[in-house]
Amino acid sequence: MPAPTKQALMILLLRLTTNLDSFEKMDLQWDQDQRRLINGLLGIFKDPKSSRLNQCAAAHYLGELHASIAVRALSEKITLNYVRTGFIDHMSDLGAAVEVALIQIGTPSIPAMIRNLEESDDARVRDLSLEVLYHIEGDKDIVRLRFQKAITAQKDSQKQARLEAALKSLGEMQFDK
């Protein structure tokens, strides 16, 4: 069962609280705590001394929190993954934590994925960025329209060429739903 949303918890707290001032204080505290948590996770994710496991776990929770403030950092490390090291490894589902986090964050991730495709010749970056775009949009045709718009707007011929190559790759890729 997924975690309750902030809205659901606030409705429950409002029903339990007879004083609106108390409710507003709880709401403010919730937002401050969430910002602190996101900043802490972002610090772990960005810290070069953090283990790959810790970075992937931080990415996972940033996605769960829909932390749009983390999109740039996540997109810059889209190829980061956690490779299972032992037979019994409860964190093995973090293999694609960054990709999944960007998908969970959703629409705010789209410009960063377009930027990845404009700036990188790395096939893995291209494929993962295309995966994220497809899973956010849910339709190759919508992703194609985004590419056409980006290609038209882009003045740099090298970036245009990369976007056109990504558009070609999009047509050749098969995505899991």
Foldseek 3Di string as FASTA:
>chain_A
DDDDDPVVVLVVVPVVDPDVVVSVVVVVVVVVVLVVLLVVLLCLLPDPPRDLLSNLVSLQVLLVSLPLVCLLVLLVPQCRADPDDDDDDPSNVSGRSSLSSLLSNAPSNLVSLLVQLLPDPDPVSLVSSLQSVCSRVVDLVVVLVVLVVVLVPDPDPSSNVSSVVSNVVSVVDDYDD
